[in-house]
Amino acid sequence: MHRRTFVHALGASLASGSLPFRVTRSARRLNRIGLELYSVRDAMGRDPERTLGAVRAMGYSDVELLWSFGNFGRTPEQVRAALDKEGLRAPSAHVSPAAVLVGWERSLAIAQRLGHEYLIVPSFSADTARSLDDWREWADRFNTAGAAARRAGIWLAFHNEPDHLKPIDGTVPYDLFVERTDPAVVRHQLDVGNLAMGGGDPLAYLERYRNRYWSFHIKDVVKDRSRDTELGTGTLDFLRRAGGRRASARQRATKLRLSEDAGVLDHVPFAADYLGS
């Protein structure tokens, strides 16, 4: 099972200093660890309430929801009730890009009811991101939707995939997108493993766009960067290279992202132990 860690709010410390970053007194410390439900999506598909109970029993207080999976057949009211029953919070959710285009105000109202701080689009469909003009249009639409989100007290954010670094007509579309989106209304989630697998250097991107990243997927990759692997077993070791200590990540809102190729929740505690070591 691959341990892939998802960290919220590290950007507050990154924005105030040069790399390698260090924890400062001004950094936002949240003292909470959570689980991204993508890690246990098969179990959630079978029995969402029981799986949330198991997550809470392990000591997690936060989860990241998957609107893009239809919240596993549950209505917003049912999701809210399940979270409240287990004493869980959901500061963020992954949403499909279509949510930005249709019914966005309604999505923001639901996000408020569920206590979200972020709605994160994980990627675009291939047929809507073929050209640089496509990426420019998406950036402009994000700026408009992001402004509406800020008025509702929510942040719109974007997550990177490996193919986002593949140049189009000599330009990296991901770079164009980050630079065209307005930092006052749009934030970004840096998946350091995906960036490395796409041929990029996560530290270089943090140096270039450090004030744009407020949420992170921290995961390791194998030597040839063809796939991700368990935290601490690959070659990336992002937290050490960035100059931070694993324990410092525990002082922020941290979500653990794992693959589904083993038992339901049997390896979830490993990543928390890794961060705290």
C-alpha atoms as a PDB file:
ATOM      1  CA  MET A   1       0.000   0.000   0.000  1.00  0.00           C
ATOM      2  CA  HIS A   2       1.334   3.426  -0.936  1.00  0.00           C
ATOM      3  CA  ARG A   3       1.247   6.026   1.820  1.00  0.00           C
ATOM      4  CA  ARG A   4       0.507   9.419   0.301  1.00  0.00           C
ATOM      5  CA  THR A   5       0.197  12.305   2.687  1.00  0.00           C
ATOM      6  CA  PHE A   6      -1.999  15.315   2.160  1.00  0.00           C
ATOM      7  CA  VAL A   7      -1.109  18.466   4.114  1.00  0.00           C
ATOM      8  CA  HIS A   8      -3.258  21.566   4.444  1.00  0.00           C
ATOM      9  CA  ALA A   9      -2.075  25.059   5.354  1.00  0.00           C
ATOM     10  CA  LEU A  10       1.683  24.606   5.039  1.00  0.00           C
ATOM     11  CA  GLY A  11       1.634  27.496   2.610  1.00  0.00           C
ATOM     12  CA  ALA A  12       1.324  29.948   5.475  1.00  0.00           C
ATOM     13  CA  SER A  13       4.896  29.159   6.493  1.00  0.00           C
ATOM     14  CA  LEU A  14       6.208  28.808   2.952  1.00  0.00           C
ATOM     15  CA  ALA A  15       4.965  32.222   1.910  1.00  0.00           C
ATOM     16  CA  SER A  16       6.939  34.049   4.587  1.00  0.00           C
ATOM     17  CA  GLY A  17      10.445  32.755   3.898  1.00  0.00           C
ATOM     18  CA  SER A  18      12.839  31.279   1.370  1.00  0.00           C
ATOM     19  CA  LEU A  19      13.493  27.585   0.978  1.00  0.00           C
ATOM     20  CA  PRO A  20      14.479  25.434   2.671  1.00  0.00           C
ATOM     21  CA  PHE A  21      11.419  26.267   4.774  1.00  0.00           C
ATOM     22  CA  ARG A  22      11.278  26.094   8.549  1.00  0.00           C
ATOM     23  CA  VAL A  23       8.421  26.244  10.986  1.00  0.00           C
ATOM     24  CA  THR A  24       8.024  29.765  12.356  1.00  0.00           C
ATOM     25  CA  ARG A  25       5.883  31.195  15.102  1.00  0.00           C
ATOM     26  CA  SER A  26       3.803  32.949  12.474  1.00  0.00           C
ATOM     27  CA  ALA A  27       2.999  29.679  10.697  1.00  0.00           C
ATOM     28  CA  ARG A  28      -0.546  28.458  11.065  1.00  0.00           C
ATOM     29  CA  ARG A  29      -0.579  25.421  13.364  1.00  0.00           C
ATOM     30  CA  LEU A  30      -3.727  23.386  13.478  1.00  0.00           C
ATOM     31  CA  ASN A  31      -2.709  20.297  15.447  1.00  0.00           C
ATOM     32  CA  ARG A  32      -4.990  17.953  13.547  1.00  0.00           C
ATOM     33  CA  ILE A  33      -4.506  14.949  11.313  1.00  0.00           C
ATOM     34  CA  GLY A  34      -7.075  13.695   8.843  1.00  0.00           C
ATOM     35  CA  LEU A  35      -7.677  11.189   6.087  1.00  0.00           C
ATOM     36  CA  GLU A  36      -8.487  11.801   2.444  1.00  0.00           C
ATOM     37  CA  LEU A  37     -11.415   9.527   1.676  1.00  0.00           C
ATOM     38  CA  TYR A  38      -9.998   8.737  -1.773  1.00  0.00           C
ATOM     39  CA  SER A  39      -7.641   6.451   0.131  1.00  0.00           C
ATOM     40  CA  VAL A  40     -10.523   4.276   1.290  1.00  0.00           C
ATOM     41  CA  ARG A  41     -12.944   4.867  -1.570  1.00  0.00           C
ATOM     42  CA  ASP A  42     -13.777   1.175  -2.028  1.00  0.00           C
ATOM     43  CA  ALA A  43     -14.751   0.852   1.633  1.00  0.00           C
ATOM     44  CA  MET A  44     -16.707   4.109   1.448  1.00  0.00           C
ATOM     45  CA  GLY A  45     -18.561   2.766  -1.572  1.00  0.00           C
ATOM     46  CA  ARG A  46     -19.638  -0.294   0.408  1.00  0.00           C
ATOM     47  CA  ASP A  47     -20.541   1.363   3.720  1.00  0.00           C
ATOM     48  CA  PRO A  48     -19.762   5.077   4.161  1.00  0.00           C
ATOM     49  CA  GLU A  49     -21.030   5.377   7.730  1.00  0.00           C
ATOM     50  CA  ARG A  50     -19.140   2.349   9.011  1.00  0.00           C
ATOM     51  CA  THR A  51     -15.943   3.496   7.290  1.00  0.00           C
ATOM     52  CA  LEU A  52     -16.210   6.985   8.780  1.00  0.00           C
ATOM     53  CA  GLY A  53     -16.662   5.369  12.169  1.00  0.00           C
ATOM     54  CA  ALA A  54     -13.501   3.323  11.660  1.00  0.00           C
ATOM     55  CA  VAL A  55     -11.570   6.421  10.610  1.00  0.00           C
ATOM     56  CA  ARG A  56     -12.702   8.283  13.720  1.00  0.00           C
ATOM     57  CA  ALA A  57     -11.924   5.300  15.952  1.00  0.00           C
ATOM     58  CA  MET A  58      -8.311   5.510  14.788  1.00  0.00           C
ATOM     59  CA  GLY A  59      -8.146   9.047  16.137  1.00  0.00           C
ATOM     60  CA  TYR A  60      -8.552  11.093  12.977  1.00  0.00           C
ATOM     61  CA  SER A  61     -10.615  14.249  13.316  1.00  0.00           C
ATOM     62  CA  ASP A  62     -10.625  15.492   9.700  1.00  0.00           C
ATOM     63  CA  VAL A  63     -11.545  13.936   6.371  1.00  0.00           C
ATOM     64  CA  GLU A  64     -11.501  15.197   2.804  1.00  0.00           C
ATOM     65  CA  LEU A  65     -14.711  14.420   0.963  1.00  0.00           C
ATOM     66  CA  LEU A  66     -15.122  13.302  -2.636  1.00  0.00           C
ATOM     67  CA  TRP A  67     -17.916  15.202  -4.308  1.00  0.00           C
ATOM     68  CA  SER A  68     -16.444  13.908  -7.559  1.00  0.00           C
ATOM     69  CA  PHE A  69     -17.536  10.435  -6.375  1.00  0.00           C
ATOM     70  CA  GLY A  70     -21.032  11.693  -5.572  1.00  0.00           C
ATOM     71  CA  ASN A  71     -20.209  11.472  -1.859  1.00  0.00           C
ATOM     72  CA  PHE A  72     -20.802   7.737  -2.234  1.00  0.00           C
ATOM     73  CA  GLY A  73     -24.538   8.073  -2.781  1.00  0.00           C
ATOM     74  CA  ARG A  74     -25.227  10.228   0.266  1.00  0.00           C
ATOM     75  CA  THR A  75     -27.028  13.571   0.282  1.00  0.00           C
ATOM     76  CA  PRO A  76     -25.357  16.615   1.876  1.00  0.00           C
ATOM     77  CA  GLU A  77     -27.720  16.229   4.827  1.00  0.00           C
ATOM     78  CA  GLN A  78     -26.733  12.586   5.281  1.00  0.00           C
ATOM     79  CA  VAL A  79     -23.047  13.467   5.006  1.00  0.00           C
ATOM     80  CA  ARG A  80     -23.417  16.206   7.608  1.00  0.00           C
ATOM     81  CA  ALA A  81     -25.247  13.841   9.956  1.00  0.00           C
ATOM     82  CA  ALA A  82     -22.590  11.132   9.560  1.00  0.00           C
ATOM     83  CA  LEU A  83     -19.784  13.603  10.210  1.00  0.00           C
ATOM     84  CA  ASP A  84     -21.528  15.001  13.274  1.00  0.00           C
ATOM     85  CA  LYS A  85     -22.237  11.533  14.642  1.00  0.00           C
ATOM     86  CA  GLU A  86     -18.539  10.630  14.525  1.00  0.00           C
ATOM     87  CA  GLY A  87     -17.249  14.052  15.570  1.00  0.00           C
ATOM     88  CA  LEU A  88     -15.472  14.536  12.241  1.00  0.00           C
ATOM     89  CA  ARG A  89     -14.753  17.720  10.283  1.00  0.00           C
ATOM     90  CA  ALA A  90     -14.452  18.040   6.506  1.00  0.00           C
ATOM     91  CA  PRO A  91     -12.367  21.146   5.756  1.00  0.00           C
ATOM     92  CA  SER A  92     -12.085  20.293   2.057  1.00  0.00           C
ATOM     93  CA  ALA A  93     -13.523  18.289  -0.815  1.00  0.00           C
ATOM     94  CA  HIS A  94     -12.498  17.298  -4.314  1.00  0.00           C
ATOM     95  CA  VAL A  95     -15.043  18.381  -6.923  1.00  0.00           C
ATOM     96  CA  SER A  96     -15.343  17.830 -10.649  1.00  0.00           C
ATOM     97  CA  PRO A  97     -14.409  20.721 -12.958  1.00  0.00           C
ATOM     98  CA  ALA A  98     -18.031  20.796 -14.113  1.00  0.00           C
ATOM     99  CA  ALA A  99     -18.999  22.103 -10.672  1.00  0.00           C
ATOM    100  CA  VAL A 100     -17.192  25.340 -11.489  1.00  0.00           C
ATOM    101  CA  LEU A 101     -19.274  25.763 -14.648  1.00  0.00           C
ATOM    102  CA  VAL A 102     -22.772  24.724 -13.558  1.00  0.00           C
ATOM    103  CA  GLY A 103     -24.500  25.349 -10.226  1.00  0.00           C
ATOM    104  CA  TRP A 104     -21.438  26.894  -8.587  1.00  0.00           C
ATOM    105  CA  GLU A 105     -23.438  29.055  -6.179  1.00  0.00           C
ATOM    106  CA  ARG A 106     -25.383  25.991  -5.075  1.00  0.00           C
ATOM    107  CA  SER A 107     -22.132  24.092  -4.561  1.00  0.00           C
ATOM    108  CA  LEU A 108     -20.815  26.908  -2.393  1.00  0.00           C
ATOM    109  CA  ALA A 109     -23.953  26.806  -0.267  1.00  0.00           C
ATOM    110  CA  ILE A 110     -23.486  23.065   0.245  1.00  0.00           C
ATOM    111  CA  ALA A 111     -19.816  23.618   1.080  1.00  0.00           C
ATOM    112  CA  GLN A 112     -20.830  26.068   3.777  1.00  0.00           C
ATOM    113  CA  ARG A 113     -23.268  23.575   5.287  1.00  0.00           C
ATOM    114  CA  LEU A 114     -20.583  20.895   5.348  1.00  0.00           C
ATOM    115  CA  GLY A 115     -17.970  23.178   6.894  1.00  0.00           C
ATOM    116  CA  HIS A 116     -15.577  23.184   3.935  1.00  0.00           C
ATOM    117  CA  GLU A 117     -12.780  25.721   3.642  1.00  0.00           C
ATOM    118  CA  TYR A 118     -11.636  24.475   0.218  1.00  0.00           C
ATOM    119  CA  LEU A 119     -13.224  23.054  -2.911  1.00  0.00           C
ATOM    120  CA  ILE A 120     -10.419  21.510  -4.969  1.00  0.00           C
ATOM    121  CA  VAL A 121     -10.592  20.539  -8.638  1.00  0.00           C
ATOM    122  CA  PRO A 122      -8.197  17.589  -9.135  1.00  0.00           C
ATOM    123  CA  SER A 123      -7.764  17.917 -12.917  1.00  0.00           C
ATOM    124  CA  PHE A 124      -9.500  18.678 -16.209  1.00  0.00           C
ATOM    125  CA  SER A 125     -10.813  16.174 -18.726  1.00  0.00           C
ATOM    126  CA  ALA A 126      -8.452  15.639 -21.650  1.00  0.00           C
ATOM    127  CA  ASP A 127     -10.892  17.031 -24.194  1.00  0.00           C
ATOM    128  CA  THR A 128     -11.102  20.368 -22.354  1.00  0.00           C
ATOM    129  CA  ALA A 129      -7.352  20.848 -21.806  1.00  0.00           C
ATOM    130  CA  ARG A 130      -5.823  20.166 -25.213  1.00  0.00           C
ATOM    131  CA  SER A 131      -4.597  23.651 -26.084  1.00  0.00           C
ATOM    132  CA  LEU A 132      -3.078  26.618 -24.300  1.00  0.00           C
ATOM    133  CA  ASP A 133      -6.259  28.529 -25.050  1.00  0.00           C
ATOM    134  CA  ASP A 134      -8.176  25.832 -23.150  1.00  0.00           C
ATOM    135  CA  TRP A 135      -5.931  26.355 -20.125  1.00  0.00           C
ATOM    136  CA  ARG A 136      -6.284  30.130 -20.389  1.00  0.00           C
ATOM    137  CA  GLU A 137     -10.054  29.816 -20.463  1.00  0.00           C
ATOM    138  CA  TRP A 138     -10.017  27.526 -17.435  1.00  0.00           C
ATOM    139  CA  ALA A 139      -7.868  30.045 -15.553  1.00  0.00           C
ATOM    140  CA  ASP A 140     -10.291  32.846 -16.367  1.00  0.00           C
ATOM    141  CA  ARG A 141     -13.238  30.720 -15.279  1.00  0.00           C
ATOM    142  CA  PHE A 142     -11.416  29.865 -12.043  1.00  0.00           C
ATOM    143  CA  ASN A 143     -10.868  33.558 -11.360  1.00  0.00           C
ATOM    144  CA  THR A 144     -14.571  34.250 -11.755  1.00  0.00           C
ATOM    145  CA  ALA A 145     -15.626  31.219  -9.709  1.00  0.00           C
ATOM    146  CA  GLY A 146     -12.923  31.911  -7.136  1.00  0.00           C
ATOM    147  CA  ALA A 147     -14.226  35.429  -6.568  1.00  0.00           C
ATOM    148  CA  ALA A 148     -17.690  34.018  -5.883  1.00  0.00           C
ATOM    149  CA  ALA A 149     -16.152  31.425  -3.564  1.00  0.00           C
ATOM    150  CA  ARG A 150     -14.329  34.073  -1.551  1.00  0.00           C
ATOM    151  CA  ARG A 151     -17.569  35.986  -1.062  1.00  0.00           C
ATOM    152  CA  ALA A 152     -18.962  32.776   0.416  1.00  0.00           C
ATOM    153  CA  GLY A 153     -15.928  32.275   2.658  1.00  0.00           C
ATOM    154  CA  ILE A 154     -14.589  29.356   0.594  1.00  0.00           C
ATOM    155  CA  TRP A 155     -11.367  28.939  -1.416  1.00  0.00           C
ATOM    156  CA  LEU A 156     -11.350  27.415  -4.893  1.00  0.00           C
ATOM    157  CA  ALA A 157      -8.154  25.437  -5.507  1.00  0.00           C
ATOM    158  CA  PHE A 158      -6.543  23.264  -8.188  1.00  0.00           C
ATOM    159  CA  HIS A 159      -4.531  20.040  -7.880  1.00  0.00           C
ATOM    160  CA  ASN A 160      -1.792  19.000 -10.327  1.00  0.00           C
ATOM    161  CA  GLU A 161      -1.379  15.759 -12.285  1.00  0.00           C
ATOM    162  CA  PRO A 162       1.808  14.503 -14.026  1.00  0.00           C
ATOM    163  CA  ASP A 163       0.587  15.316 -17.531  1.00  0.00           C
ATOM    164  CA  HIS A 164       0.006  18.965 -16.625  1.00  0.00           C
ATOM    165  CA  LEU A 165       3.750  19.515 -17.139  1.00  0.00           C
ATOM    166  CA  LYS A 166       3.761  18.223 -20.716  1.00  0.00           C
ATOM    167  CA  PRO A 167       4.510  21.259 -22.929  1.00  0.00           C
ATOM    168  CA  ILE A 168       2.002  22.469 -25.486  1.00  0.00           C
ATOM    169  CA  ASP A 169       3.603  24.528 -28.259  1.00  0.00           C
ATOM    170  CA  GLY A 170       6.667  24.996 -26.056  1.00  0.00           C
ATOM    171  CA  THR A 171       4.758  26.184 -22.971  1.00  0.00           C
ATOM    172  CA  VAL A 172       4.029  24.183 -19.814  1.00  0.00           C
ATOM    173  CA  PRO A 173       0.243  24.489 -19.409  1.00  0.00           C
ATOM    174  CA  TYR A 174       0.354  24.110 -15.632  1.00  0.00           C
ATOM    175  CA  ASP A 175       2.742  27.068 -15.323  1.00  0.00           C
ATOM    176  CA  LEU A 176       0.500  29.162 -17.535  1.00  0.00           C
ATOM    177  CA  PHE A 177      -2.521  28.228 -15.422  1.00  0.00           C
ATOM    178  CA  VAL A 178      -0.889  29.035 -12.076  1.00  0.00           C
ATOM    179  CA  GLU A 179       0.395  32.367 -13.328  1.00  0.00           C
ATOM    180  CA  ARG A 180      -2.916  33.362 -14.924  1.00  0.00           C
ATOM    181  CA  THR A 181      -5.069  32.540 -11.893  1.00  0.00           C
ATOM    182  CA  ASP A 182      -5.515  35.368  -9.393  1.00  0.00           C
ATOM    183  CA  PRO A 183      -3.858  34.647  -6.012  1.00  0.00           C
ATOM    184  CA  ALA A 184      -6.503  36.756  -4.306  1.00  0.00           C
ATOM    185  CA  VAL A 185      -9.225  34.272  -5.239  1.00  0.00           C
ATOM    186  CA  VAL A 186      -7.560  30.984  -6.321  1.00  0.00           C
ATOM    187  CA  ARG A 187      -5.146  28.759  -4.406  1.00  0.00           C
ATOM    188  CA  HIS A 188      -3.311  25.620  -5.454  1.00  0.00           C
ATOM    189  CA  GLN A 189      -2.717  22.154  -4.042  1.00  0.00           C
ATOM    190  CA  LEU A 190       0.761  20.864  -4.863  1.00  0.00           C
ATOM    191  CA  ASP A 191       1.001  17.114  -5.331  1.00  0.00           C
ATOM    192  CA  VAL A 192       4.763  16.704  -4.991  1.00  0.00           C
ATOM    193  CA  GLY A 193       4.717  13.108  -6.238  1.00  0.00           C
ATOM    194  CA  ASN A 194       2.707  13.964  -9.333  1.00  0.00           C
ATOM    195  CA  LEU A 195       5.000  16.889 -10.051  1.00  0.00           C
ATOM    196  CA  ALA A 196       8.076  14.653  -9.813  1.00  0.00           C
ATOM    197  CA  MET A 197       6.453  11.969 -11.967  1.00  0.00           C
ATOM    198  CA  GLY A 198       5.721  14.639 -14.549  1.00  0.00           C
ATOM    199  CA  GLY A 199       9.408  15.577 -14.685  1.00  0.00           C
ATOM    200  CA  GLY A 200       9.318  18.609 -12.394  1.00  0.00           C
ATOM    201  CA  ASP A 201      11.213  19.516  -9.228  1.00  0.00           C
ATOM    202  CA  PRO A 202       8.808  20.128  -6.315  1.00  0.00           C
ATOM    203  CA  LEU A 203      11.287  22.355  -4.489  1.00  0.00           C
ATOM    204  CA  ALA A 204      11.806  24.503  -7.572  1.00  0.00           C
ATOM    205  CA  TYR A 205       8.049  24.942  -7.888  1.00  0.00           C
ATOM    206  CA  LEU A 206       7.780  25.871  -4.229  1.00  0.00           C
ATOM    207  CA  GLU A 207      10.472  28.485  -4.732  1.00  0.00           C
ATOM    208  CA  ARG A 208       8.740  29.867  -7.815  1.00  0.00           C
ATOM    209  CA  TYR A 209       5.147  29.778  -6.573  1.00  0.00           C
ATOM    210  CA  ARG A 210       5.515  29.521  -2.808  1.00  0.00           C
ATOM    211  CA  ASN A 211       2.700  31.979  -2.056  1.00  0.00           C
ATOM    212  CA  ARG A 212       0.256  30.069  -4.268  1.00  0.00           C
ATOM    213  CA  TYR A 213       0.381  26.683  -2.498  1.00  0.00           C
ATOM    214  CA  TRP A 214      -1.766  26.189   0.586  1.00  0.00           C
ATOM    215  CA  SER A 215      -2.437  22.485   0.374  1.00  0.00           C
ATOM    216  CA  PHE A 216      -0.131  19.594  -0.428  1.00  0.00           C
ATOM    217  CA  HIS A 217      -0.056  15.928  -1.342  1.00  0.00           C
ATOM    218  CA  ILE A 218       3.162  14.618   0.188  1.00  0.00           C
ATOM    219  CA  LYS A 219       4.154  11.264  -1.252  1.00  0.00           C
ATOM    220  CA  ASP A 220       7.277   9.404  -2.325  1.00  0.00           C
ATOM    221  CA  VAL A 221       8.209   8.082  -5.784  1.00  0.00           C
ATOM    222  CA  VAL A 222      10.313   5.197  -7.081  1.00  0.00           C
ATOM    223  CA  LYS A 223      13.762   5.838  -8.552  1.00  0.00           C
ATOM    224  CA  ASP A 224      12.654   6.131 -12.179  1.00  0.00           C
ATOM    225  CA  ARG A 225       9.705   8.338 -11.125  1.00  0.00           C
ATOM    226  CA  SER A 226       7.243   6.137 -12.973  1.00  0.00           C
ATOM    227  CA  ARG A 227       4.938   5.705  -9.969  1.00  0.00           C
ATOM    228  CA  ASP A 228       4.476   6.688  -6.346  1.00  0.00           C
ATOM    229  CA  THR A 229       5.426   4.483  -3.427  1.00  0.00           C
ATOM    230  CA  GLU A 230       5.219   4.275   0.350  1.00  0.00           C
ATOM    231  CA  LEU A 231       6.373   7.308   2.312  1.00  0.00           C
ATOM    232  CA  GLY A 232      10.002   6.911   3.274  1.00  0.00           C
ATOM    233  CA  THR A 233      10.722   4.083   0.831  1.00  0.00           C
ATOM    234  CA  GLY A 234      11.298   6.059  -2.366  1.00  0.00           C
ATOM    235  CA  THR A 235      13.749   8.699  -3.526  1.00  0.00           C
ATOM    236  CA  LEU A 236      11.812  11.944  -3.079  1.00  0.00           C
ATOM    237  CA  ASP A 237      11.644  12.376   0.728  1.00  0.00           C
ATOM    238  CA  PHE A 238      10.180  15.827   0.189  1.00  0.00           C
ATOM    239  CA  LEU A 239       9.895  16.950   3.808  1.00  0.00           C
ATOM    240  CA  ARG A 240      13.563  16.274   4.548  1.00  0.00           C
ATOM    241  CA  ARG A 241      14.770  17.896   1.317  1.00  0.00           C
ATOM    242  CA  ALA A 242      12.634  20.953   1.978  1.00  0.00           C
ATOM    243  CA  GLY A 243      14.349  21.444   5.318  1.00  0.00           C
ATOM    244  CA  GLY A 244      11.309  20.687   7.439  1.00  0.00           C
ATOM    245  CA  ARG A 245      11.005  17.949  10.022  1.00  0.00           C
ATOM    246  CA  ARG A 246       8.365  15.288   9.830  1.00  0.00           C
ATOM    247  CA  ALA A 247       7.097  16.168  13.280  1.00  0.00           C
ATOM    248  CA  SER A 248       6.333  19.712  12.144  1.00  0.00           C
ATOM    249  CA  ALA A 249       3.763  18.367   9.701  1.00  0.00           C
ATOM    250  CA  ARG A 250       1.787  16.939  12.594  1.00  0.00           C
ATOM    251  CA  GLN A 251       1.236  20.495  13.817  1.00  0.00           C
ATOM    252  CA  ARG A 252      -0.847  21.300  10.757  1.00  0.00           C
ATOM    253  CA  ALA A 253      -3.984  19.828   9.265  1.00  0.00           C
ATOM    254  CA  THR A 254      -2.689  16.663   7.647  1.00  0.00           C
ATOM    255  CA  LYS A 255      -4.626  14.228   5.515  1.00  0.00           C
ATOM    256  CA  LEU A 256      -3.303  10.811   4.662  1.00  0.00           C
ATOM    257  CA  ARG A 257      -3.830   9.540   1.151  1.00  0.00           C
ATOM    258  CA  LEU A 258      -3.305   5.857   0.443  1.00  0.00           C
ATOM    259  CA  SER A 259      -4.018   3.484  -2.404  1.00  0.00           C
ATOM    260  CA  GLU A 260      -6.736   0.858  -2.205  1.00  0.00           C
ATOM    261  CA  ASP A 261      -4.653  -2.226  -3.013  1.00  0.00           C
ATOM    262  CA  ALA A 262      -4.666  -3.679   0.512  1.00  0.00           C
ATOM    263  CA  GLY A 263      -7.071  -4.061   3.433  1.00  0.00           C
ATOM    264  CA  VAL A 264      -9.572  -1.328   4.163  1.00  0.00           C
ATOM    265  CA  LEU A 265      -7.808   0.690   6.865  1.00  0.00           C
ATOM    266  CA  ASP A 266      -5.022  -1.619   7.939  1.00  0.00           C
ATOM    267  CA  HIS A 267      -2.122   0.604   6.920  1.00  0.00           C
ATOM    268  CA  VAL A 268      -3.600   4.022   7.634  1.00  0.00           C
ATOM    269  CA  PRO A 269      -1.721   4.573  10.927  1.00  0.00           C
ATOM    270  CA  PHE A 270       1.676   4.080   9.232  1.00  0.00           C
ATOM    271  CA  ALA A 271       1.741   7.473   7.535  1.00  0.00           C
ATOM    272  CA  ALA A 272       0.818   9.258  10.747  1.00  0.00           C
ATOM    273  CA  ASP A 273       3.657   7.464  12.514  1.00  0.00           C
ATOM    274  CA  TYR A 274       6.011   8.381   9.667  1.00  0.00           C
ATOM    275  CA  LEU A 275       5.136  12.058   9.976  1.00  0.00           C
ATOM    276  CA  GLY A 276       5.580  11.999  13.704  1.00  0.00           C
ATOM    277  CA  SER A 277       8.934  10.223  13.679  1.00  0.00           C
END
